[in-house]
Amino acid sequence: MRLRTFSAAALLAAAATIPLAGVAFAQDRDCADFATQADAQAALQPGDPERLDADDDGQACETHEYAAVASTADDSATSQVTATPVGGVEAGGGPSDVLPIALGALAAGGVGAVAARRVVASRRS
């Protein structure tokens, strides 16, 4: 009985995390997400998880054509921000879709309550 209860709780907990699987890949950026090649180069990480370096030569987005940056006479008046953040966490706003997280937490709590109730009931028998 305990093995069956544990197996059911583990299966339900695993199923409750499936809606959260896409959250890990939410910050995948492409070359078009950067204003300049220098911004893309600064974001290039070891192992290139975002696939910014197509030919593995250490240069990010070298074949992407970026728009020409207009220069001004007074460089101190220009903004220091070179790329606008995109996305919830990257922009500082937190996750953009809280519903899957809330449903996963609710399901995990339900699984825990059912498992605890069954353990108590099996001890009384």
PDB file of N, CA and C in Angstrom:
ATOM      1  N   MET A   1       0.829  -1.200   0.000  1.00  0.00           N
ATOM      2  CA  MET A   1       0.000   0.000   0.000  1.00  0.00           C
ATOM      3  C   MET A   1       0.866   1.254   0.000  1.00  0.00           C
ATOM      4  N   ARG A   2       1.913   1.251   0.833  1.00  0.00           N
ATOM      5  CA  ARG A   2       2.774   2.435   0.898  1.00  0.00           C
ATOM      6  C   ARG A   2       3.518   2.662  -0.412  1.00  0.00           C
ATOM      7  N   LEU A   3       3.959   1.579  -1.044  1.00  0.00           N
ATOM      8  CA  LEU A   3       4.671   1.707  -2.311  1.00  0.00           C
ATOM      9  C   LEU A   3       3.743   2.282  -3.381  1.00  0.00           C
ATOM     10  N   ARG A   4       2.507   1.829  -3.401  1.00  0.00           N
ATOM     11  CA  ARG A   4       1.545   2.339  -4.375  1.00  0.00           C
ATOM     12  C   ARG A   4       1.244   3.814  -4.116  1.00  0.00           C
ATOM     13  N   THR A   5       1.110   4.195  -2.850  1.00  0.00           N
ATOM     14  CA  THR A   5       0.853   5.589  -2.497  1.00  0.00           C
ATOM     15  C   THR A   5       2.027   6.472  -2.892  1.00  0.00           C
ATOM     16  N   PHE A   6       3.235   6.003  -2.581  1.00  0.00           N
ATOM     17  CA  PHE A   6       4.429   6.770  -2.932  1.00  0.00           C
ATOM     18  C   PHE A   6       4.562   6.906  -4.445  1.00  0.00           C
ATOM     19  N   SER A   7       4.302   5.814  -5.171  1.00  0.00           N
ATOM     20  CA  SER A   7       4.400   5.852  -6.639  1.00  0.00           C
ATOM     21  C   SER A   7       3.393   6.833  -7.228  1.00  0.00           C
ATOM     22  N   ALA A   8       2.177   6.812  -6.699  1.00  0.00           N
ATOM     23  CA  ALA A   8       1.146   7.737  -7.205  1.00  0.00           C
ATOM     24  C   ALA A   8       1.521   9.182  -6.897  1.00  0.00           C
ATOM     25  N   ALA A   9       2.046   9.436  -5.714  1.00  0.00           N
ATOM     26  CA  ALA A   9       2.441  10.801  -5.351  1.00  0.00           C
ATOM     27  C   ALA A   9       3.594  11.281  -6.223  1.00  0.00           C
ATOM     28  N   ALA A  10       4.574  10.400  -6.472  1.00  0.00           N
ATOM     29  CA  ALA A  10       5.712  10.781  -7.318  1.00  0.00           C
ATOM     30  C   ALA A  10       5.258  11.064  -8.749  1.00  0.00           C
ATOM     31  N   LEU A  11       4.350  10.242  -9.263  1.00  0.00           N
ATOM     32  CA  LEU A  11       3.840  10.440 -10.624  1.00  0.00           C
ATOM     33  C   LEU A  11       3.068  11.748 -10.743  1.00  0.00           C
ATOM     34  N   LEU A  12       2.224  12.034  -9.780  1.00  0.00           N
ATOM     35  CA  LEU A  12       1.469  13.286  -9.804  1.00  0.00           C
ATOM     36  C   LEU A  12       2.378  14.505  -9.660  1.00  0.00           C
ATOM     37  N   ALA A  13       3.397  14.405  -8.819  1.00  0.00           N
ATOM     38  CA  ALA A  13       4.334  15.521  -8.664  1.00  0.00           C
ATOM     39  C   ALA A  13       5.108  15.767  -9.953  1.00  0.00           C
ATOM     40  N   ALA A  14       5.518  14.687 -10.629  1.00  0.00           N
ATOM     41  CA  ALA A  14       6.231  14.836 -11.900  1.00  0.00           C
ATOM     42  C   ALA A  14       5.319  15.459 -12.955  1.00  0.00           C
ATOM     43  N   ALA A  15       4.058  15.028 -12.994  1.00  0.00           N
ATOM     44  CA  ALA A  15       3.111  15.583 -13.963  1.00  0.00           C
ATOM     45  C   ALA A  15       2.834  17.053 -13.686  1.00  0.00           C
ATOM     46  N   ALA A  16       2.889  17.455 -12.423  1.00  0.00           N
ATOM     47  CA  ALA A  16       2.624  18.854 -12.077  1.00  0.00           C
ATOM     48  C   ALA A  16       3.736  19.777 -12.535  1.00  0.00           C
ATOM     49  N   THR A  17       4.933  19.255 -12.760  1.00  0.00           N
ATOM     50  CA  THR A  17       6.050  20.109 -13.181  1.00  0.00           C
ATOM     51  C   THR A  17       6.144  20.268 -14.689  1.00  0.00           C
ATOM     52  N   ILE A  18       5.382  19.504 -15.451  1.00  0.00           N
ATOM     53  CA  ILE A  18       5.451  19.589 -16.915  1.00  0.00           C
ATOM     54  C   ILE A  18       5.132  20.990 -17.434  1.00  0.00           C
ATOM     55  N   PRO A  19       4.130  21.720 -16.899  1.00  0.00           N
ATOM     56  CA  PRO A  19       3.885  23.075 -17.414  1.00  0.00           C
ATOM     57  C   PRO A  19       5.068  24.030 -17.197  1.00  0.00           C
ATOM     58  N   LEU A  20       5.965  23.709 -16.295  1.00  0.00           N
ATOM     59  CA  LEU A  20       7.094  24.589 -16.011  1.00  0.00           C
ATOM     60  C   LEU A  20       8.302  24.303 -16.895  1.00  0.00           C
ATOM     61  N   ALA A  21       8.244  23.288 -17.739  1.00  0.00           N
ATOM     62  CA  ALA A  21       9.400  22.892 -18.534  1.00  0.00           C
ATOM     63  C   ALA A  21       9.843  23.994 -19.501  1.00  0.00           C
ATOM     64  N   GLY A  22       8.925  24.765 -20.062  1.00  0.00           N
ATOM     65  CA  GLY A  22       9.281  25.805 -21.015  1.00  0.00           C
ATOM     66  C   GLY A  22       9.901  27.031 -20.377  1.00  0.00           C
ATOM     67  N   VAL A  23       9.765  27.207 -19.077  1.00  0.00           N
ATOM     68  CA  VAL A  23      10.275  28.388 -18.396  1.00  0.00           C
ATOM     69  C   VAL A  23      11.796  28.449 -18.466  1.00  0.00           C
ATOM     70  N   ALA A  24      12.465  27.311 -18.463  1.00  0.00           N
ATOM     71  CA  ALA A  24      13.926  27.292 -18.487  1.00  0.00           C
ATOM     72  C   ALA A  24      14.489  27.856 -19.791  1.00  0.00           C
ATOM     73  N   PHE A  25      13.753  27.756 -20.876  1.00  0.00           N
ATOM     74  CA  PHE A  25      14.238  28.209 -22.175  1.00  0.00           C
ATOM     75  C   PHE A  25      13.694  29.580 -22.564  1.00  0.00           C
ATOM     76  N   ALA A  26      13.106  30.286 -21.622  1.00  0.00           N
ATOM     77  CA  ALA A  26      12.471  31.562 -21.924  1.00  0.00           C
ATOM     78  C   ALA A  26      13.463  32.656 -22.306  1.00  0.00           C
ATOM     79  N   GLN A  27      14.706  32.554 -21.903  1.00  0.00           N
ATOM     80  CA  GLN A  27      15.668  33.615 -22.147  1.00  0.00           C
ATOM     81  C   GLN A  27      16.592  33.344 -23.337  1.00  0.00           C
ATOM     82  N   ASP A  28      16.250  32.409 -24.196  1.00  0.00           N
ATOM     83  CA  ASP A  28      17.063  32.113 -25.365  1.00  0.00           C
ATOM     84  C   ASP A  28      16.968  33.278 -26.345  1.00  0.00           C
ATOM     85  N   ARG A  29      18.115  33.893 -26.658  1.00  0.00           N
ATOM     86  CA  ARG A  29      18.134  35.054 -27.549  1.00  0.00           C
ATOM     87  C   ARG A  29      18.811  34.694 -28.862  1.00  0.00           C
ATOM     88  N   ASP A  30      18.464  35.435 -29.898  1.00  0.00           N
ATOM     89  CA  ASP A  30      19.075  35.288 -31.213  1.00  0.00           C
ATOM     90  C   ASP A  30      19.846  36.561 -31.536  1.00  0.00           C
ATOM     91  N   CYS A  31      20.579  36.546 -32.644  1.00  0.00           N
ATOM     92  CA  CYS A  31      21.381  37.704 -33.040  1.00  0.00           C
ATOM     93  C   CYS A  31      20.520  38.956 -33.238  1.00  0.00           C
ATOM     94  N   ALA A  32      19.295  38.792 -33.702  1.00  0.00           N
ATOM     95  CA  ALA A  32      18.411  39.933 -33.937  1.00  0.00           C
ATOM     96  C   ALA A  32      17.988  40.617 -32.633  1.00  0.00           C
ATOM     97  N   ASP A  33      18.177  39.950 -31.486  1.00  0.00           N
ATOM     98  CA  ASP A  33      17.801  40.534 -30.200  1.00  0.00           C
ATOM     99  C   ASP A  33      18.828  41.535 -29.687  1.00  0.00           C
ATOM    100  N   PHE A  34      19.961  41.652 -30.355  1.00  0.00           N
ATOM    101  CA  PHE A  34      21.019  42.568 -29.926  1.00  0.00           C
ATOM    102  C   PHE A  34      21.106  43.747 -30.883  1.00  0.00           C
ATOM    103  N   ALA A  35      21.434  44.922 -30.328  1.00  0.00           N
ATOM    104  CA  ALA A  35      21.511  46.134 -31.146  1.00  0.00           C
ATOM    105  C   ALA A  35      22.784  46.159 -31.986  1.00  0.00           C
ATOM    106  N   THR A  36      23.865  45.612 -31.458  1.00  0.00           N
ATOM    107  CA  THR A  36      25.142  45.617 -32.168  1.00  0.00           C
ATOM    108  C   THR A  36      25.830  44.269 -32.008  1.00  0.00           C
ATOM    109  N   GLN A  37      26.838  44.037 -32.837  1.00  0.00           N
ATOM    110  CA  GLN A  37      27.623  42.808 -32.720  1.00  0.00           C
ATOM    111  C   GLN A  37      28.385  42.808 -31.407  1.00  0.00           C
ATOM    112  N   ALA A  38      28.796  43.981 -30.936  1.00  0.00           N
ATOM    113  CA  ALA A  38      29.514  44.078 -29.666  1.00  0.00           C
ATOM    114  C   ALA A  38      28.625  43.630 -28.499  1.00  0.00           C
ATOM    115  N   ASP A  39      27.345  43.961 -28.545  1.00  0.00           N
ATOM    116  CA  ASP A  39      26.410  43.506 -27.505  1.00  0.00           C
ATOM    117  C   ASP A  39      26.279  41.986 -27.527  1.00  0.00           C
ATOM    118  N   ALA A  40      26.182  41.432 -28.735  1.00  0.00           N
ATOM    119  CA  ALA A  40      26.079  39.975 -28.860  1.00  0.00           C
ATOM    120  C   ALA A  40      27.363  39.311 -28.365  1.00  0.00           C
ATOM    121  N   GLN A  41      28.499  39.908 -28.676  1.00  0.00           N
ATOM    122  CA  GLN A  41      29.786  39.359 -28.230  1.00  0.00           C
ATOM    123  C   GLN A  41      29.874  39.388 -26.705  1.00  0.00           C
ATOM    124  N   ALA A  42      29.376  40.459 -26.094  1.00  0.00           N
ATOM    125  CA  ALA A  42      29.399  40.567 -24.631  1.00  0.00           C
ATOM    126  C   ALA A  42      28.501  39.514 -23.983  1.00  0.00           C
ATOM    127  N   ALA A  43      27.451  39.100 -24.675  1.00  0.00           N
ATOM    128  CA  ALA A  43      26.522  38.106 -24.132  1.00  0.00           C
ATOM    129  C   ALA A  43      26.949  36.674 -24.415  1.00  0.00           C
ATOM    130  N   LEU A  44      27.952  36.503 -25.268  1.00  0.00           N
ATOM    131  CA  LEU A  44      28.420  35.159 -25.617  1.00  0.00           C
ATOM    132  C   LEU A  44      28.967  34.462 -24.376  1.00  0.00           C
ATOM    133  N   GLN A  45      28.451  33.274 -24.089  1.00  0.00           N
ATOM    134  CA  GLN A  45      28.842  32.516 -22.904  1.00  0.00           C
ATOM    135  C   GLN A  45      29.639  31.283 -23.315  1.00  0.00           C
ATOM    136  N   PRO A  46      30.435  30.761 -22.397  1.00  0.00           N
ATOM    137  CA  PRO A  46      31.154  29.515 -22.690  1.00  0.00           C
ATOM    138  C   PRO A  46      30.165  28.394 -23.016  1.00  0.00           C
ATOM    139  N   GLY A  47      30.461  27.651 -24.039  1.00  0.00           N
ATOM    140  CA  GLY A  47      29.565  26.580 -24.460  1.00  0.00           C
ATOM    141  C   GLY A  47      28.485  27.055 -25.417  1.00  0.00           C
ATOM    142  N   ASP A  48      28.311  28.362 -25.544  1.00  0.00           N
ATOM    143  CA  ASP A  48      27.352  28.989 -26.465  1.00  0.00           C
ATOM    144  C   ASP A  48      25.952  28.386 -26.372  1.00  0.00           C
ATOM    145  N   PRO A  49      25.299  28.460 -25.181  1.00  0.00           N
ATOM    146  CA  PRO A  49      23.970  27.868 -25.045  1.00  0.00           C
ATOM    147  C   PRO A  49      22.901  28.558 -25.892  1.00  0.00           C
ATOM    148  N   GLU A  50      23.126  29.815 -26.282  1.00  0.00           N
ATOM    149  CA  GLU A  50      22.138  30.535 -27.092  1.00  0.00           C
ATOM    150  C   GLU A  50      22.432  30.440 -28.589  1.00  0.00           C
ATOM    151  N   ARG A  51      23.481  29.714 -28.958  1.00  0.00           N
ATOM    152  CA  ARG A  51      23.874  29.497 -30.356  1.00  0.00           C
ATOM    153  C   ARG A  51      24.095  30.823 -31.096  1.00  0.00           C
ATOM    154  N   LEU A  52      24.884  31.705 -30.495  1.00  0.00           N
ATOM    155  CA  LEU A  52      25.200  32.991 -31.125  1.00  0.00           C
ATOM    156  C   LEU A  52      26.426  32.891 -32.029  1.00  0.00           C
ATOM    157  N   ASP A  53      27.246  31.860 -31.835  1.00  0.00           N
ATOM    158  CA  ASP A  53      28.466  31.671 -32.618  1.00  0.00           C
ATOM    159  C   ASP A  53      28.288  30.444 -33.504  1.00  0.00           C
ATOM    160  N   ALA A  54      27.809  30.666 -34.729  1.00  0.00           N
ATOM    161  CA  ALA A  54      27.451  29.566 -35.619  1.00  0.00           C
ATOM    162  C   ALA A  54      28.646  28.702 -36.023  1.00  0.00           C
ATOM    163  N   ASP A  55      29.815  29.312 -36.232  1.00  0.00           N
ATOM    164  CA  ASP A  55      30.964  28.540 -36.707  1.00  0.00           C
ATOM    165  C   ASP A  55      32.011  28.266 -35.624  1.00  0.00           C
ATOM    166  N   ASP A  56      31.687  28.493 -34.378  1.00  0.00           N
ATOM    167  CA  ASP A  56      32.565  28.185 -33.233  1.00  0.00           C
ATOM    168  C   ASP A  56      33.954  28.806 -33.339  1.00  0.00           C
ATOM    169  N   ASP A  57      34.021  30.069 -33.808  1.00  0.00           N
ATOM    170  CA  ASP A  57      35.325  30.734 -33.882  1.00  0.00           C
ATOM    171  C   ASP A  57      35.490  31.804 -32.802  1.00  0.00           C
ATOM    172  N   GLY A  58      34.528  31.880 -31.886  1.00  0.00           N
ATOM    173  CA  GLY A  58      34.622  32.841 -30.789  1.00  0.00           C
ATOM    174  C   GLY A  58      34.013  34.203 -31.098  1.00  0.00           C
ATOM    175  N   GLN A  59      33.498  34.394 -32.306  1.00  0.00           N
ATOM    176  CA  GLN A  59      32.876  35.655 -32.703  1.00  0.00           C
ATOM    177  C   GLN A  59      31.367  35.464 -32.785  1.00  0.00           C
ATOM    178  N   ALA A  60      30.636  36.182 -31.941  1.00  0.00           N
ATOM    179  CA  ALA A  60      29.180  36.055 -31.918  1.00  0.00           C
ATOM    180  C   ALA A  60      28.538  36.874 -33.026  1.00  0.00           C
ATOM    181  N   CYS A  61      27.572  36.311 -33.697  1.00  0.00           N
ATOM    182  CA  CYS A  61      26.735  37.003 -34.697  1.00  0.00           C
ATOM    183  C   CYS A  61      27.543  37.762 -35.744  1.00  0.00           C
ATOM    184  N   GLU A  62      28.607  37.162 -36.207  1.00  0.00           N
ATOM    185  CA  GLU A  62      29.475  37.863 -37.163  1.00  0.00           C
ATOM    186  C   GLU A  62      28.865  38.004 -38.542  1.00  0.00           C
ATOM    187  N   THR A  63      27.905  37.164 -38.900  1.00  0.00           N
ATOM    188  CA  THR A  63      27.293  37.267 -40.228  1.00  0.00           C
ATOM    189  C   THR A  63      25.977  38.043 -40.211  1.00  0.00           C
ATOM    190  N   HIS A  64      25.482  38.391 -39.017  1.00  0.00           N
ATOM    191  CA  HIS A  64      24.226  39.151 -38.920  1.00  0.00           C
ATOM    192  C   HIS A  64      24.492  40.618 -39.255  1.00  0.00           C
ATOM    193  N   GLU A  65      23.637  41.218 -40.057  1.00  0.00           N
ATOM    194  CA  GLU A  65      23.812  42.618 -40.434  1.00  0.00           C
ATOM    195  C   GLU A  65      23.015  43.503 -39.484  1.00  0.00           C
ATOM    196  N   TYR A  66      23.727  44.334 -38.746  1.00  0.00           N
ATOM    197  CA  TYR A  66      23.100  45.267 -37.812  1.00  0.00           C
ATOM    198  C   TYR A  66      22.941  46.623 -38.484  1.00  0.00           C
ATOM    199  N   ALA A  67      21.943  47.383 -38.058  1.00  0.00           N
ATOM    200  CA  ALA A  67      21.718  48.722 -38.591  1.00  0.00           C
ATOM    201  C   ALA A  67      22.873  49.627 -38.171  1.00  0.00           C
ATOM    202  N   ALA A  68      23.205  50.574 -39.019  1.00  0.00           N
ATOM    203  CA  ALA A  68      24.284  51.510 -38.704  1.00  0.00           C
ATOM    204  C   ALA A  68      23.869  52.374 -37.521  1.00  0.00           C
ATOM    205  N   VAL A  69      24.810  52.590 -36.611  1.00  0.00           N
ATOM    206  CA  VAL A  69      24.550  53.408 -35.432  1.00  0.00           C
ATOM    207  C   VAL A  69      24.903  54.851 -35.768  1.00  0.00           C
ATOM    208  N   ALA A  70      23.942  55.767 -35.607  1.00  0.00           N
ATOM    209  CA  ALA A  70      24.181  57.183 -35.888  1.00  0.00           C
ATOM    210  C   ALA A  70      25.012  57.781 -34.770  1.00  0.00           C
ATOM    211  N   SER A  71      26.055  58.510 -35.126  1.00  0.00           N
ATOM    212  CA  SER A  71      26.889  59.143 -34.109  1.00  0.00           C
ATOM    213  C   SER A  71      26.475  60.599 -33.952  1.00  0.00           C
ATOM    214  N   THR A  72      26.636  61.103 -32.747  1.00  0.00           N
ATOM    215  CA  THR A  72      26.296  62.489 -32.467  1.00  0.00           C
ATOM    216  C   THR A  72      27.567  63.250 -32.126  1.00  0.00           C
ATOM    217  N   ALA A  73      27.476  64.566 -32.214  1.00  0.00           N
ATOM    218  CA  ALA A  73      28.645  65.383 -31.896  1.00  0.00           C
ATOM    219  C   ALA A  73      28.938  65.341 -30.404  1.00  0.00           C
ATOM    220  N   ASP A  74      27.901  65.236 -29.595  1.00  0.00           N
ATOM    221  CA  ASP A  74      28.078  65.217 -28.149  1.00  0.00           C
ATOM    222  C   ASP A  74      27.782  63.807 -27.642  1.00  0.00           C
ATOM    223  N   ASP A  75      28.827  62.999 -27.474  1.00  0.00           N
ATOM    224  CA  ASP A  75      28.642  61.620 -27.046  1.00  0.00           C
ATOM    225  C   ASP A  75      28.142  61.516 -25.612  1.00  0.00           C
ATOM    226  N   SER A  76      28.327  62.557 -24.794  1.00  0.00           N
ATOM    227  CA  SER A  76      27.869  62.488 -23.414  1.00  0.00           C
ATOM    228  C   SER A  76      26.349  62.559 -23.318  1.00  0.00           C
ATOM    229  N   ALA A  77      25.686  63.028 -24.380  1.00  0.00           N
ATOM    230  CA  ALA A  77      24.238  63.140 -24.355  1.00  0.00           C
ATOM    231  C   ALA A  77      23.553  61.845 -24.780  1.00  0.00           C
ATOM    232  N   THR A  78      24.309  60.893 -25.327  1.00  0.00           N
ATOM    233  CA  THR A  78      23.697  59.644 -25.773  1.00  0.00           C
ATOM    234  C   THR A  78      23.489  58.712 -24.597  1.00  0.00           C
ATOM    235  N   SER A  79      22.543  57.836 -24.753  1.00  0.00           N
ATOM    236  CA  SER A  79      22.225  56.869 -23.700  1.00  0.00           C
ATOM    237  C   SER A  79      23.326  55.822 -23.610  1.00  0.00           C
ATOM    238  N   GLN A  80      23.566  55.344 -22.415  1.00  0.00           N
ATOM    239  CA  GLN A  80      24.548  54.285 -22.232  1.00  0.00           C
ATOM    240  C   GLN A  80      23.944  52.914 -22.487  1.00  0.00           C
ATOM    241  N   VAL A  81      22.636  52.848 -22.577  1.00  0.00           N
ATOM    242  CA  VAL A  81      21.974  51.578 -22.818  1.00  0.00           C
ATOM    243  C   VAL A  81      22.101  51.238 -24.296  1.00  0.00           C
ATOM    244  N   THR A  82      22.692  50.083 -24.589  1.00  0.00           N
ATOM    245  CA  THR A  82      22.890  49.700 -25.982  1.00  0.00           C
ATOM    246  C   THR A  82      21.881  48.658 -26.442  1.00  0.00           C
ATOM    247  N   ALA A  83      21.244  47.956 -25.510  1.00  0.00           N
ATOM    248  CA  ALA A  83      20.254  46.951 -25.882  1.00  0.00           C
ATOM    249  C   ALA A  83      19.096  47.006 -24.887  1.00  0.00           C
ATOM    250  N   THR A  84      17.904  46.939 -25.406  1.00  0.00           N
ATOM    251  CA  THR A  84      16.727  46.945 -24.545  1.00  0.00           C
ATOM    252  C   THR A  84      16.438  45.520 -24.104  1.00  0.00           C
ATOM    253  N   PRO A  85      16.327  45.282 -22.796  1.00  0.00           N
ATOM    254  CA  PRO A  85      16.038  43.921 -22.332  1.00  0.00           C
ATOM    255  C   PRO A  85      14.680  43.446 -22.829  1.00  0.00           C
ATOM    256  N   VAL A  86      14.616  42.163 -23.136  1.00  0.00           N
ATOM    257  CA  VAL A  86      13.387  41.556 -23.620  1.00  0.00           C
ATOM    258  C   VAL A  86      13.039  40.406 -22.688  1.00  0.00           C
ATOM    259  N   GLY A  87      11.804  40.324 -22.270  1.00  0.00           N
ATOM    260  CA  GLY A  87      11.380  39.200 -21.446  1.00  0.00           C
ATOM    261  C   GLY A  87      11.151  39.598 -20.012  1.00  0.00           C
ATOM    262  N   GLY A  88      10.505  38.702 -19.273  1.00  0.00           N
ATOM    263  CA  GLY A  88      10.130  38.989 -17.899  1.00  0.00           C
ATOM    264  C   GLY A  88      11.300  39.165 -16.954  1.00  0.00           C
ATOM    265  N   VAL A  89      12.045  38.110 -16.705  1.00  0.00           N
ATOM    266  CA  VAL A  89      13.117  38.153 -15.727  1.00  0.00           C
ATOM    267  C   VAL A  89      14.246  39.068 -16.189  1.00  0.00           C
ATOM    268  N   GLU A  90      14.587  39.007 -17.468  1.00  0.00           N
ATOM    269  CA  GLU A  90      15.686  39.808 -18.002  1.00  0.00           C
ATOM    270  C   GLU A  90      15.382  41.301 -17.905  1.00  0.00           C
ATOM    271  N   ALA A  91      14.121  41.668 -18.031  1.00  0.00           N
ATOM    272  CA  ALA A  91      13.729  43.070 -17.962  1.00  0.00           C
ATOM    273  C   ALA A  91      13.463  43.520 -16.529  1.00  0.00           C
ATOM    274  N   GLY A  92      13.551  42.591 -15.584  1.00  0.00           N
ATOM    275  CA  GLY A  92      13.348  42.941 -14.191  1.00  0.00           C
ATOM    276  C   GLY A  92      11.917  42.825 -13.731  1.00  0.00           C
ATOM    277  N   GLY A  93      11.048  42.259 -14.570  1.00  0.00           N
ATOM    278  CA  GLY A  93       9.644  42.169 -14.217  1.00  0.00           C
ATOM    279  C   GLY A  93       9.223  40.838 -13.641  1.00  0.00           C
ATOM    280  N   GLY A  94      10.118  39.896 -13.520  1.00  0.00           N
ATOM    281  CA  GLY A  94       9.757  38.580 -13.021  1.00  0.00           C
ATOM    282  C   GLY A  94       9.123  37.744 -14.116  1.00  0.00           C
ATOM    283  N   PRO A  95       8.636  36.579 -13.765  1.00  0.00           N
ATOM    284  CA  PRO A  95       8.049  35.708 -14.783  1.00  0.00           C
ATOM    285  C   PRO A  95       6.830  36.365 -15.417  1.00  0.00           C
ATOM    286  N   SER A  96       6.683  36.206 -16.706  1.00  0.00           N
ATOM    287  CA  SER A  96       5.578  36.846 -17.394  1.00  0.00           C
ATOM    288  C   SER A  96       4.285  36.048 -17.275  1.00  0.00           C
ATOM    289  N   ASP A  97       4.376  34.770 -16.996  1.00  0.00           N
ATOM    290  CA  ASP A  97       3.178  33.950 -16.877  1.00  0.00           C
ATOM    291  C   ASP A  97       3.236  33.172 -15.569  1.00  0.00           C
ATOM    292  N   VAL A  98       2.477  33.602 -14.592  1.00  0.00           N
ATOM    293  CA  VAL A  98       2.516  33.016 -13.257  1.00  0.00           C
ATOM    294  C   VAL A  98       1.565  31.831 -13.142  1.00  0.00           C
ATOM    295  N   LEU A  99       0.617  31.704 -14.054  1.00  0.00           N
ATOM    296  CA  LEU A  99      -0.384  30.648 -13.965  1.00  0.00           C
ATOM    297  C   LEU A  99       0.225  29.244 -13.903  1.00  0.00           C
ATOM    298  N   PRO A 100       1.174  28.859 -14.779  1.00  0.00           N
ATOM    299  CA  PRO A 100       1.739  27.511 -14.669  1.00  0.00           C
ATOM    300  C   PRO A 100       2.444  27.272 -13.328  1.00  0.00           C
ATOM    301  N   ILE A 101       3.087  28.294 -12.803  1.00  0.00           N
ATOM    302  CA  ILE A 101       3.772  28.144 -11.523  1.00  0.00           C
ATOM    303  C   ILE A 101       2.751  27.941 -10.407  1.00  0.00           C
ATOM    304  N   ALA A 102       1.678  28.732 -10.426  1.00  0.00           N
ATOM    305  CA  ALA A 102       0.645  28.604  -9.400  1.00  0.00           C
ATOM    306  C   ALA A 102      -0.046  27.243  -9.477  1.00  0.00           C
ATOM    307  N   LEU A 103      -0.342  26.776 -10.688  1.00  0.00           N
ATOM    308  CA  LEU A 103      -0.981  25.465 -10.841  1.00  0.00           C
ATOM    309  C   LEU A 103      -0.053  24.341 -10.387  1.00  0.00           C
ATOM    310  N   GLY A 104       1.226  24.456 -10.694  1.00  0.00           N
ATOM    311  CA  GLY A 104       2.189  23.451 -10.249  1.00  0.00           C
ATOM    312  C   GLY A 104       2.290  23.407  -8.733  1.00  0.00           C
ATOM    313  N   ALA A 105       2.310  24.569  -8.092  1.00  0.00           N
ATOM    314  CA  ALA A 105       2.369  24.623  -6.632  1.00  0.00           C
ATOM    315  C   ALA A 105       1.100  24.049  -6.015  1.00  0.00           C
ATOM    316  N   LEU A 106      -0.046  24.355  -6.599  1.00  0.00           N
ATOM    317  CA  LEU A 106      -1.310  23.826  -6.102  1.00  0.00           C
ATOM    318  C   LEU A 106      -1.364  22.304  -6.241  1.00  0.00           C
ATOM    319  N   ALA A 107      -0.917  21.795  -7.382  1.00  0.00           N
ATOM    320  CA  ALA A 107      -0.905  20.341  -7.592  1.00  0.00           C
ATOM    321  C   ALA A 107       0.054  19.654  -6.627  1.00  0.00           C
ATOM    322  N   ALA A 108       1.234  20.247  -6.416  1.00  0.00           N
ATOM    323  CA  ALA A 108       2.196  19.658  -5.484  1.00  0.00           C
ATOM    324  C   ALA A 108       1.643  19.637  -4.064  1.00  0.00           C
ATOM    325  N   GLY A 109       0.953  20.691  -3.662  1.00  0.00           N
ATOM    326  CA  GLY A 109       0.326  20.718  -2.335  1.00  0.00           C
ATOM    327  C   GLY A 109      -0.759  19.668  -2.213  1.00  0.00           C
ATOM    328  N   GLY A 110      -1.544  19.475  -3.253  1.00  0.00           N
ATOM    329  CA  GLY A 110      -2.588  18.455  -3.242  1.00  0.00           C
ATOM    330  C   GLY A 110      -2.017  17.053  -3.144  1.00  0.00           C
ATOM    331  N   VAL A 111      -0.936  16.820  -3.893  1.00  0.00           N
ATOM    332  CA  VAL A 111      -0.277  15.518  -3.835  1.00  0.00           C
ATOM    333  C   VAL A 111       0.250  15.258  -2.432  1.00  0.00           C
ATOM    334  N   GLY A 112       0.846  16.252  -1.830  1.00  0.00           N
ATOM    335  CA  GLY A 112       1.357  16.102  -0.462  1.00  0.00           C
ATOM    336  C   GLY A 112       0.251  15.832   0.531  1.00  0.00           C
ATOM    337  N   ALA A 113      -0.884  16.503   0.384  1.00  0.00           N
ATOM    338  CA  ALA A 113      -2.015  16.296   1.296  1.00  0.00           C
ATOM    339  C   ALA A 113      -2.589  14.893   1.154  1.00  0.00           C
ATOM    340  N   VAL A 114      -2.730  14.414  -0.078  1.00  0.00           N
ATOM    341  CA  VAL A 114      -3.250  13.063  -0.306  1.00  0.00           C
ATOM    342  C   VAL A 114      -2.296  12.025   0.268  1.00  0.00           C
ATOM    343  N   ALA A 115      -1.003  12.211   0.028  1.00  0.00           N
ATOM    344  CA  ALA A 115      -0.021  11.261   0.546  1.00  0.00           C
ATOM    345  C   ALA A 115      -0.021  11.250   2.071  1.00  0.00           C
ATOM    346  N   ALA A 116      -0.099  12.406   2.702  1.00  0.00           N
ATOM    347  CA  ALA A 116      -0.119  12.475   4.170  1.00  0.00           C
ATOM    348  C   ALA A 116      -1.372  11.828   4.727  1.00  0.00           C
ATOM    349  N   ARG A 117      -2.493  12.050   4.070  1.00  0.00           N
ATOM    350  CA  ARG A 117      -3.750  11.458   4.541  1.00  0.00           C
ATOM    351  C   ARG A 117      -3.704   9.937   4.455  1.00  0.00           C
ATOM    352  N   ARG A 118      -3.126   9.431   3.374  1.00  0.00           N
ATOM    353  CA  ARG A 118      -3.032   7.976   3.225  1.00  0.00           C
ATOM    354  C   ARG A 118      -2.082   7.368   4.248  1.00  0.00           C
ATOM    355  N   VAL A 119      -1.009   8.050   4.555  1.00  0.00           N
ATOM    356  CA  VAL A 119      -0.086   7.537   5.558  1.00  0.00           C
ATOM    357  C   VAL A 119      -0.766   7.472   6.918  1.00  0.00           C
ATOM    358  N   VAL A 120      -1.497   8.521   7.280  1.00  0.00           N
ATOM    359  CA  VAL A 120      -2.206   8.535   8.553  1.00  0.00           C
ATOM    360  C   VAL A 120      -3.266   7.433   8.580  1.00  0.00           C
ATOM    361  N   ALA A 121      -3.995   7.248   7.495  1.00  0.00           N
ATOM    362  CA  ALA A 121      -5.040   6.221   7.437  1.00  0.00           C
ATOM    363  C   ALA A 121      -4.437   4.824   7.523  1.00  0.00           C
ATOM    364  N   SER A 122      -3.257   4.620   6.921  1.00  0.00           N
ATOM    365  CA  SER A 122      -2.648   3.293   6.982  1.00  0.00           C
ATOM    366  C   SER A 122      -2.109   2.986   8.374  1.00  0.00           C
ATOM    367  N   ARG A 123      -1.726   3.986   9.129  1.00  0.00           N
ATOM    368  CA  ARG A 123      -1.240   3.778  10.489  1.00  0.00           C
ATOM    369  C   ARG A 123      -2.389   3.457  11.451  1.00  0.00           C
ATOM    370  N   ARG A 124      -3.574   3.952  11.162  1.00  0.00           N
ATOM    371  CA  ARG A 124      -4.743   3.685  12.011  1.00  0.00           C
ATOM    372  C   ARG A 124      -5.251   2.267  11.812  1.00  0.00           C
ATOM    373  N   SER A 125      -5.013   1.703  10.639  1.00  0.00           N
ATOM    374  CA  SER A 125      -5.543   0.363  10.342  1.00  0.00           C
ATOM    375  C   SER A 125      -4.801  -0.736  11.036  1.00  0.00           C
TER     376      SER A 125
END
